[in-house]
Amino acid sequence: MLTKEINVQKYYRYQGRKTSKKISKANLNLLKNFYEDYSYDREIIEFFESNDKSKRFNLNTNNYTKVNIEIGFGDGEFLLKNAINNPHELFIGIEFYKNGIIKILKKILEQQINNIKLCNLNAEYFLKALPTNSVDNLLIINPDPWPKKRHHKRRLISFENIKVFRRIIKSKDSIYITTDSTIYTDYIESIFINNVKLLGDYKIITLSHYDHLYAVSRYQRKAIKSGRKIYQITI
């Protein structure tokens, strides 16, 4: 997606696979020809490669009333719905699976959507580059819980990342995390209990069909159909 003028591999490094299925030649061409028009990747990488980091990365959001970020948007269903329903707000989708990037990029082009920007980078780089108090809403819908103890270090929700979330968000109760894993829910709660003075308040509820983050993705609906509860952590 980027030229090889800069060694970019570390910025795209994740645990696990980058594709869930083989990408066709047509879709590879789609990424090559259009992705950068709707992506922050190059600017973020250039920010970290720059010798001057005195200023944070500028999202250039003057034309939008709000900035919303969804990390791990999957096939883009919820991201697309929100962008269409709120055309004056900016929606930034971060997804490490290229298949998900391709799906939403096709929708953007087909429907001429102008308020979605994409990011295929490791989310930690993107978030760390953002200015303080620059995001209105941050959503993380059912991230991988990495249930095995030896994989806990791979979890997106950690003490260090929660500090980053709180730095970039504009106001309290604007960070939303959902999960169907009781183990992950307990783990996140333990982070706050053990660092209450540094991280502040949080709320945990069990979602129902009355809540706006209930059944918003294919994965969530599958979990609900299997009888699992969906928990929401609000920060």
Protein backbone atom coordinates (compact mmCIF):
# COMPACT_ATOMS: atom_id res chain seq x y z
CA MET A 1 0.00 0.00 0.00
CA LEU A 2 3.01 2.26 0.51
CA THR A 3 6.14 2.54 -1.56
CA LYS A 4 9.36 1.03 -0.22
CA GLU A 5 11.06 4.38 0.28
CA ILE A 6 10.67 3.81 4.02
CA ASN A 7 10.95 0.51 5.87
CA VAL A 8 7.30 0.24 6.86
CA GLN A 9 7.06 -3.37 8.01
CA LYS A 10 7.17 -2.69 11.75
CA TYR A 11 4.18 -0.38 11.52
CA TYR A 12 2.03 -3.16 10.07
CA ARG A 13 3.25 -5.87 12.46
CA TYR A 14 0.56 -7.82 14.32
CA GLN A 15 0.29 -11.13 16.07
CA GLY A 16 -1.47 -13.62 13.81
CA ARG A 17 -2.51 -13.51 10.18
CA LYS A 18 -2.97 -10.41 8.06
CA THR A 19 -5.48 -12.02 5.69
CA SER A 20 -8.40 -14.32 6.47
CA LYS A 21 -8.52 -15.60 2.89
CA LYS A 22 -6.55 -15.23 -0.32
CA ILE A 23 -6.78 -11.80 -1.94
CA SER A 24 -7.58 -11.75 -5.64
CA LYS A 25 -5.50 -9.84 -8.16
CA ALA A 26 -8.42 -7.44 -8.72
CA ASN A 27 -8.59 -6.64 -5.01
CA LEU A 28 -4.83 -6.17 -4.80
CA ASN A 29 -5.13 -3.65 -7.63
CA LEU A 30 -7.96 -1.95 -5.73
CA LEU A 31 -5.69 -1.49 -2.73
CA LYS A 32 -2.84 -0.27 -4.90
CA ASN A 33 -4.92 2.26 -6.82
CA PHE A 34 -7.32 3.65 -4.22
CA TYR A 35 -6.32 2.81 -0.65
CA GLU A 36 -4.03 5.77 -0.07
CA ASP A 37 -6.81 8.18 -1.07
CA TYR A 38 -8.76 7.07 2.01
CA SER A 39 -5.95 6.22 4.39
CA TYR A 40 -3.81 7.90 7.04
CA ASP A 41 -1.10 5.24 6.87
CA ARG A 42 1.53 7.20 5.00
CA GLU A 43 1.14 10.32 7.14
CA ILE A 44 1.35 8.31 10.37
CA ILE A 45 4.50 6.49 9.25
CA GLU A 46 6.11 9.73 8.11
CA PHE A 47 5.29 11.25 11.50
CA PHE A 48 7.16 8.49 13.32
CA GLU A 49 10.03 8.58 10.83
CA SER A 50 10.39 12.33 11.22
CA ASN A 51 13.13 13.80 13.40
CA ASP A 52 10.71 16.44 14.67
CA LYS A 53 7.88 15.00 16.77
CA SER A 54 7.17 18.21 18.66
CA LYS A 55 3.74 18.35 17.04
CA ARG A 56 1.31 15.47 16.99
CA PHE A 57 -0.18 14.18 13.75
CA ASN A 58 -2.95 16.47 12.43
CA LEU A 59 -6.15 14.69 11.38
CA ASN A 60 -7.39 17.78 9.48
CA THR A 61 -10.94 17.45 10.77
CA ASN A 62 -12.13 21.05 10.35
CA ASN A 63 -14.98 19.97 8.08
CA TYR A 64 -16.43 17.55 10.63
CA THR A 65 -18.40 18.05 13.83
CA LYS A 66 -17.03 14.92 15.53
CA VAL A 67 -14.19 12.43 15.20
CA ASN A 68 -15.03 8.77 15.82
CA ILE A 69 -12.59 5.86 15.77
CA GLU A 70 -13.47 2.18 15.54
CA ILE A 71 -10.63 -0.27 16.14
CA GLY A 72 -11.06 -3.67 14.54
CA PHE A 73 -14.07 -2.96 12.36
CA GLY A 74 -14.19 -6.44 10.78
CA ASP A 75 -16.23 -6.33 7.59
CA GLY A 76 -17.11 -2.67 8.21
CA GLU A 77 -20.84 -3.14 8.77
CA PHE A 78 -21.11 -0.89 11.85
CA LEU A 79 -18.56 1.63 10.57
CA LEU A 80 -20.42 2.03 7.29
CA LYS A 81 -23.82 2.38 8.96
CA ASN A 82 -22.58 5.09 11.32
CA ALA A 83 -20.87 7.04 8.55
CA ILE A 84 -23.96 7.01 6.33
CA ASN A 85 -26.24 8.06 9.20
CA ASN A 86 -23.90 10.85 10.35
CA PRO A 87 -22.45 12.46 7.20
CA HIS A 88 -21.06 15.50 9.06
CA GLU A 89 -18.93 13.36 11.37
CA LEU A 90 -15.61 11.69 10.53
CA PHE A 91 -15.31 7.94 11.04
CA ILE A 92 -11.85 6.39 11.18
CA GLY A 93 -11.69 2.62 10.86
CA ILE A 94 -8.62 0.67 11.94
CA GLU A 95 -8.44 -2.96 10.84
CA PHE A 96 -5.50 -5.32 10.51
CA TYR A 97 -7.21 -7.81 8.20
CA LYS A 98 -6.73 -6.64 4.63
CA ASN A 99 -9.92 -8.45 3.63
CA GLY A 100 -11.89 -6.09 5.88
CA ILE A 101 -10.09 -3.07 4.43
CA ILE A 102 -10.99 -4.23 0.92
CA LYS A 103 -14.68 -4.71 1.76
CA ILE A 104 -15.13 -1.24 3.22
CA LEU A 105 -13.00 0.38 0.49
CA LYS A 106 -15.33 -1.10 -2.13
CA LYS A 107 -18.36 0.34 -0.31
CA ILE A 108 -16.70 3.75 -0.04
CA LEU A 109 -16.07 3.83 -3.78
CA GLU A 110 -19.45 2.40 -4.79
CA GLN A 111 -21.47 4.72 -2.55
CA GLN A 112 -19.12 7.74 -2.80
CA ILE A 113 -18.78 8.05 0.96
CA ASN A 114 -16.60 10.99 1.96
CA ASN A 115 -16.48 10.73 5.75
CA ILE A 116 -14.59 7.46 6.26
CA LYS A 117 -10.82 7.18 6.58
CA LEU A 118 -9.03 3.86 6.93
CA CYS A 119 -5.94 2.56 8.68
CA ASN A 120 -4.26 -0.82 8.27
CA LEU A 121 -1.42 0.00 10.65
CA ASN A 122 -0.95 -1.49 14.08
CA ALA A 123 -3.52 0.56 16.02
CA GLU A 124 -1.02 1.49 18.73
CA TYR A 125 1.03 3.56 16.27
CA PHE A 126 -2.03 5.41 15.02
CA LEU A 127 -3.33 6.26 18.49
CA LYS A 128 0.05 7.34 19.86
CA ALA A 129 0.42 9.83 17.00
CA LEU A 130 -2.87 11.61 17.76
CA PRO A 131 -3.05 14.92 19.62
CA THR A 132 -4.41 15.06 23.15
CA ASN A 133 -8.21 15.52 23.35
CA SER A 134 -8.71 15.03 19.61
CA VAL A 135 -11.27 12.19 19.49
CA ASP A 136 -14.97 12.33 20.42
CA ASN A 137 -15.71 8.60 20.51
CA LEU A 138 -13.52 5.52 20.54
CA LEU A 139 -15.12 2.12 19.92
CA ILE A 140 -13.54 -1.31 20.21
CA ILE A 141 -16.14 -3.93 19.32
CA ASN A 142 -15.30 -7.42 20.59
CA PRO A 143 -11.50 -7.43 20.26
CA ASP A 144 -9.67 -10.74 20.29
CA PRO A 145 -9.55 -11.81 23.97
CA TRP A 146 -6.43 -13.94 23.50
CA PRO A 147 -7.62 -16.29 26.28
CA LYS A 148 -4.42 -18.28 26.76
CA LYS A 149 -2.19 -16.80 29.47
CA ARG A 150 0.92 -16.86 27.28
CA HIS A 151 -0.95 -14.66 24.77
CA HIS A 152 -2.17 -12.00 27.22
CA LYS A 153 0.57 -9.62 26.10
CA ARG A 154 -1.10 -9.54 22.67
CA ARG A 155 -4.32 -8.03 24.03
CA LEU A 156 -5.23 -4.60 22.76
CA ILE A 157 -6.70 -3.56 26.10
CA SER A 158 -3.82 -3.02 28.50
CA PHE A 159 -2.82 -0.53 31.17
CA GLU A 160 -0.54 1.36 28.77
CA ASN A 161 -3.11 1.48 25.97
CA ILE A 162 -5.90 2.61 28.28
CA LYS A 163 -3.70 5.57 29.22
CA VAL A 164 -3.37 6.38 25.52
CA PHE A 165 -7.14 6.06 25.03
CA ARG A 166 -7.81 8.49 27.87
CA ARG A 167 -5.23 10.99 26.57
CA ILE A 168 -6.72 11.29 23.10
CA ILE A 169 -10.40 11.32 24.08
CA LYS A 170 -12.19 14.62 24.66
CA SER A 171 -14.53 13.65 27.49
CA LYS A 172 -15.41 10.89 29.95
CA ASP A 173 -17.69 8.01 29.01
CA SER A 174 -16.67 8.20 25.35
CA ILE A 175 -14.57 5.04 25.15
CA TYR A 176 -16.64 1.92 24.53
CA ILE A 177 -15.31 -1.64 24.61
CA THR A 178 -17.53 -4.67 24.07
CA THR A 179 -16.69 -8.32 24.57
CA ASP A 180 -18.44 -11.66 24.96
CA SER A 181 -15.56 -12.99 27.07
CA THR A 182 -16.03 -13.01 30.85
CA ILE A 183 -12.31 -13.68 31.20
CA TYR A 184 -11.45 -10.56 29.20
CA THR A 185 -14.06 -8.51 31.09
CA ASP A 186 -12.56 -9.55 34.43
CA TYR A 187 -9.07 -8.83 33.12
CA ILE A 188 -10.03 -5.29 32.03
CA GLU A 189 -11.76 -4.64 35.36
CA SER A 190 -8.63 -5.80 37.23
CA ILE A 191 -6.56 -3.21 35.35
CA PHE A 192 -8.79 -0.43 36.70
CA ILE A 193 -8.98 -1.86 40.22
CA ASN A 194 -5.19 -2.07 40.41
CA ASN A 195 -4.66 1.42 38.92
CA VAL A 196 -7.67 3.39 40.13
CA LYS A 197 -5.73 6.60 40.81
CA LEU A 198 -4.15 6.64 37.37
CA LEU A 199 -7.03 5.45 35.20
CA GLY A 200 -10.08 6.87 36.95
CA ASP A 201 -13.64 5.57 36.73
CA TYR A 202 -15.14 2.91 34.49
CA LYS A 203 -18.51 1.19 34.05
CA ILE A 204 -19.34 -2.40 33.12
CA ILE A 205 -22.83 -3.45 32.00
CA THR A 206 -24.39 -6.42 30.26
CA LEU A 207 -25.95 -5.28 27.00
CA SER A 208 -29.48 -6.05 25.86
CA HIS A 209 -31.29 -5.49 22.57
CA TYR A 210 -32.20 -1.98 23.81
CA ASP A 211 -28.52 -0.90 23.77
CA HIS A 212 -26.98 0.69 20.69
CA LEU A 213 -23.85 -1.50 20.72
CA TYR A 214 -25.81 -4.77 20.94
CA ALA A 215 -25.72 -7.09 17.91
CA VAL A 216 -23.89 -4.52 15.79
CA SER A 217 -21.56 -7.00 14.10
CA ARG A 218 -21.76 -10.45 12.59
CA TYR A 219 -19.44 -11.76 15.31
CA GLN A 220 -21.63 -10.32 18.08
CA ARG A 221 -24.78 -11.82 16.58
CA LYS A 222 -23.07 -15.21 16.38
CA ALA A 223 -22.04 -14.94 20.04
CA ILE A 224 -25.58 -13.95 21.08
CA LYS A 225 -27.07 -16.83 19.09
CA SER A 226 -24.71 -19.17 20.94
CA GLY A 227 -26.08 -17.89 24.25
CA ARG A 228 -23.15 -15.72 25.26
CA LYS A 229 -23.66 -12.32 26.90
CA ILE A 230 -22.20 -9.10 25.51
CA TYR A 231 -20.47 -6.91 28.07
CA GLN A 232 -19.73 -3.22 27.61
CA ILE A 233 -16.94 -1.40 29.40
CA THR A 234 -17.30 2.38 29.28
CA ILE A 235 -14.38 4.61 30.18
